Protein backbone atom coordinates (compact mmCIF):
# COMPACT_ATOMS: atom_id res chain seq x y z
CA MET A 1 49.84 11.61 1.03
CA ILE A 2 47.65 12.43 -1.97
CA GLY A 3 48.10 8.96 -3.46
CA MET A 4 47.08 7.28 -0.20
CA LYS A 5 43.94 9.44 0.12
CA SER A 6 42.90 8.58 -3.47
CA LYS A 7 43.30 4.87 -2.80
CA MET A 8 41.15 5.16 0.34
CA ASN A 9 38.44 7.07 -1.56
CA ILE A 10 38.44 4.53 -4.39
CA SER A 11 38.31 1.64 -1.92
CA SER A 12 35.45 3.26 -0.02
CA PHE A 13 33.60 3.93 -3.27
CA LEU A 14 34.00 0.31 -4.44
CA LYS A 15 32.68 -1.03 -1.13
CA LYS A 16 29.62 1.22 -1.33
CA ALA A 17 29.03 0.38 -4.99
CA SER A 18 29.30 -3.35 -4.27
CA ALA A 19 26.78 -3.04 -1.44
CA GLY A 20 24.39 -1.16 -3.73
CA ILE A 21 24.69 -3.77 -6.49
CA LEU A 22 24.11 -6.55 -3.97
CA ALA A 23 21.00 -4.76 -2.64
CA LEU A 24 19.62 -4.40 -6.19
CA PHE A 25 20.29 -8.11 -6.82
CA PHE A 26 18.25 -9.10 -3.75
CA ILE A 27 15.43 -6.73 -4.73
CA GLN A 28 15.34 -8.26 -8.22
CA LEU A 29 15.48 -11.79 -6.86
CA PHE A 30 13.02 -11.56 -3.98
CA GLY A 31 10.95 -8.48 -4.81
CA SER A 32 10.51 -5.44 -2.68
CA THR A 33 7.87 -2.77 -2.59
CA ASP A 34 7.16 -0.26 0.08
CA VAL A 35 3.73 1.31 0.33
CA ALA A 36 4.21 4.92 1.37
CA ASN A 37 1.87 7.73 2.33
CA LEU A 38 -1.29 5.61 2.67
CA LYS A 39 -4.13 8.10 3.07
CA THR A 40 -7.91 7.90 3.27
CA ASP A 41 -10.61 10.54 3.20
CA TYR A 42 -14.40 10.52 3.06
CA ALA A 43 -16.55 12.79 0.90
CA SER A 44 -19.90 12.50 -0.88
CA GLY A 45 -20.47 8.92 0.25
CA LEU A 46 -17.11 7.62 -1.03
CA VAL A 47 -13.82 6.79 0.64
CA ARG A 48 -10.74 7.70 -1.38
CA ILE A 49 -7.74 5.47 -0.67
CA SER A 50 -4.40 6.67 -2.04
CA TRP A 51 -0.79 5.57 -1.70
CA ASN A 52 2.62 5.76 -3.35
CA THR A 53 5.26 3.13 -3.93
CA THR A 54 9.02 3.13 -4.05
CA VAL A 55 10.65 0.28 -5.97
CA GLU A 56 8.19 -2.17 -7.55
CA VAL A 57 9.83 -5.48 -8.45
CA ASN A 58 8.09 -8.86 -8.79
CA VAL A 59 4.72 -7.31 -7.79
CA LYS A 60 1.66 -9.14 -9.10
CA GLU A 61 -0.97 -6.87 -7.54
CA PHE A 62 -1.96 -4.65 -4.65
CA ALA A 63 -4.95 -5.82 -2.60
CA VAL A 64 -7.00 -3.04 -1.00
CA GLU A 65 -8.47 -4.24 2.28
CA LYS A 66 -11.08 -2.78 4.65
CA SER A 67 -12.00 -3.39 8.29
CA SER A 68 -14.48 -1.97 10.77
CA ASP A 69 -12.49 -3.14 13.82
CA ASN A 70 -8.84 -2.95 12.63
CA LEU A 71 -8.52 -6.70 13.22
CA ASN A 72 -10.58 -8.49 10.58
CA TYR A 73 -9.87 -7.21 7.08
CA HIS A 74 -11.52 -8.20 3.80
CA ARG A 75 -10.48 -7.43 0.26
CA ILE A 76 -12.52 -4.78 -1.55
CA GLY A 77 -10.45 -4.59 -4.72
CA THR A 78 -7.08 -4.97 -6.42
CA GLU A 79 -4.81 -2.73 -8.45
CA LEU A 80 -2.16 -3.83 -10.94
CA PRO A 81 1.34 -2.40 -10.51
CA LYS A 82 2.29 0.60 -12.66
CA GLY A 83 6.02 0.60 -11.95
CA SER A 84 8.40 2.07 -9.42
CA HIS A 85 7.60 5.42 -7.81
CA SER A 86 3.92 5.32 -8.78
CA SER A 87 0.84 6.87 -7.23
CA TYR A 88 -2.41 4.98 -6.80
CA THR A 89 -5.95 6.09 -5.98
CA VAL A 90 -8.99 3.84 -5.58
CA PHE A 91 -12.47 4.47 -4.20
CA ASP A 92 -14.59 2.46 -1.80
CA THR A 93 -18.00 3.05 -3.32
CA ASN A 94 -19.80 1.26 -0.49
CA PRO A 95 -18.25 2.46 2.75
CA HIS A 96 -21.46 2.18 4.78
CA SER A 97 -20.95 0.27 7.97
CA LYS A 98 -22.35 0.02 11.48
CA SER A 99 -19.03 1.45 12.56
CA THR A 100 -18.32 5.16 12.25
CA VAL A 101 -14.61 4.50 11.70
CA LEU A 102 -13.25 2.32 8.91
CA TYR A 103 -9.68 1.09 8.49
CA TYR A 104 -7.90 0.47 5.19
CA ARG A 105 -4.58 -1.15 4.33
CA ILE A 106 -2.72 -2.40 1.28
CA THR A 107 -1.30 -5.91 0.88
CA VAL A 108 1.43 -6.28 -1.75
CA ILE A 109 1.20 -9.68 -3.46
CA ASP A 110 4.27 -10.87 -5.36
CA TYR A 111 4.39 -13.38 -8.22
CA ASP A 112 6.02 -15.93 -5.91
CA GLY A 113 3.02 -15.73 -3.54
CA SER A 114 4.76 -13.78 -0.80
CA THR A 115 2.88 -10.85 0.73
CA ARG A 116 3.65 -7.71 2.68
CA THR A 117 1.00 -5.62 4.40
CA SER A 118 1.15 -1.87 4.93
CA GLY A 119 0.14 -0.06 8.05
CA TYR A 120 -3.44 1.15 8.19
CA SER A 121 -5.20 4.45 7.57
CA SER A 122 -8.52 5.19 9.24
CA VAL A 123 -11.38 7.41 8.18
CA SER A 124 -14.48 8.61 10.02
CA ILE A 125 -17.72 7.90 8.20
CA GLU A 126 -20.58 10.31 8.64
CA THR A 127 -23.89 8.80 7.57
CA SER A 128 -27.40 9.98 8.04
CA GLY A 129 -30.03 7.55 9.31
CA ILE A 130 -31.37 7.24 5.77
CA SER A 131 -27.95 6.39 4.30
CA ALA A 132 -27.26 3.85 7.04
CA THR A 133 -30.66 2.22 6.47
CA TRP A 134 -30.16 2.12 2.68
CA GLY A 135 -26.71 0.58 3.17
CA SER A 136 -28.25 -2.10 5.41
CA ILE A 137 -30.97 -2.85 2.87
CA LYS A 138 -28.44 -3.21 0.05
CA ALA A 139 -26.34 -5.53 2.23
CA LEU A 140 -29.33 -7.88 2.63
CA PHE A 141 -29.40 -8.53 -1.11
CA ARG A 142 -25.69 -9.32 -1.61
């Protein structure tokens, strides 16, 4: 009985190990990065965008994107990968918008050109009339 149980445990272990090795092979070949814990917050006229990653393989860059309607996004910056299990923080230094809610997401761009887009995180922007006017004036000169 003991010999049979050992053979079953070894067989089970080998199957699991083979599946794990195969998964790592596909990650290495095709790239895989998950953006986790995407968070945004607004303070002192800036929006802080932060996120974490799991495995980073074949990642060329992270594109930080912003939207005022959660439909049409535009890139506001990029971050280079730091390696698996990293934390990232960037700031939107010009969050002023006609909208009081802004949406942010991260698009992972791999070296082979493939992309994956995270979910979004929204933040409420509180601007005074003066700040909103100044933001509009600056936008005219871009």
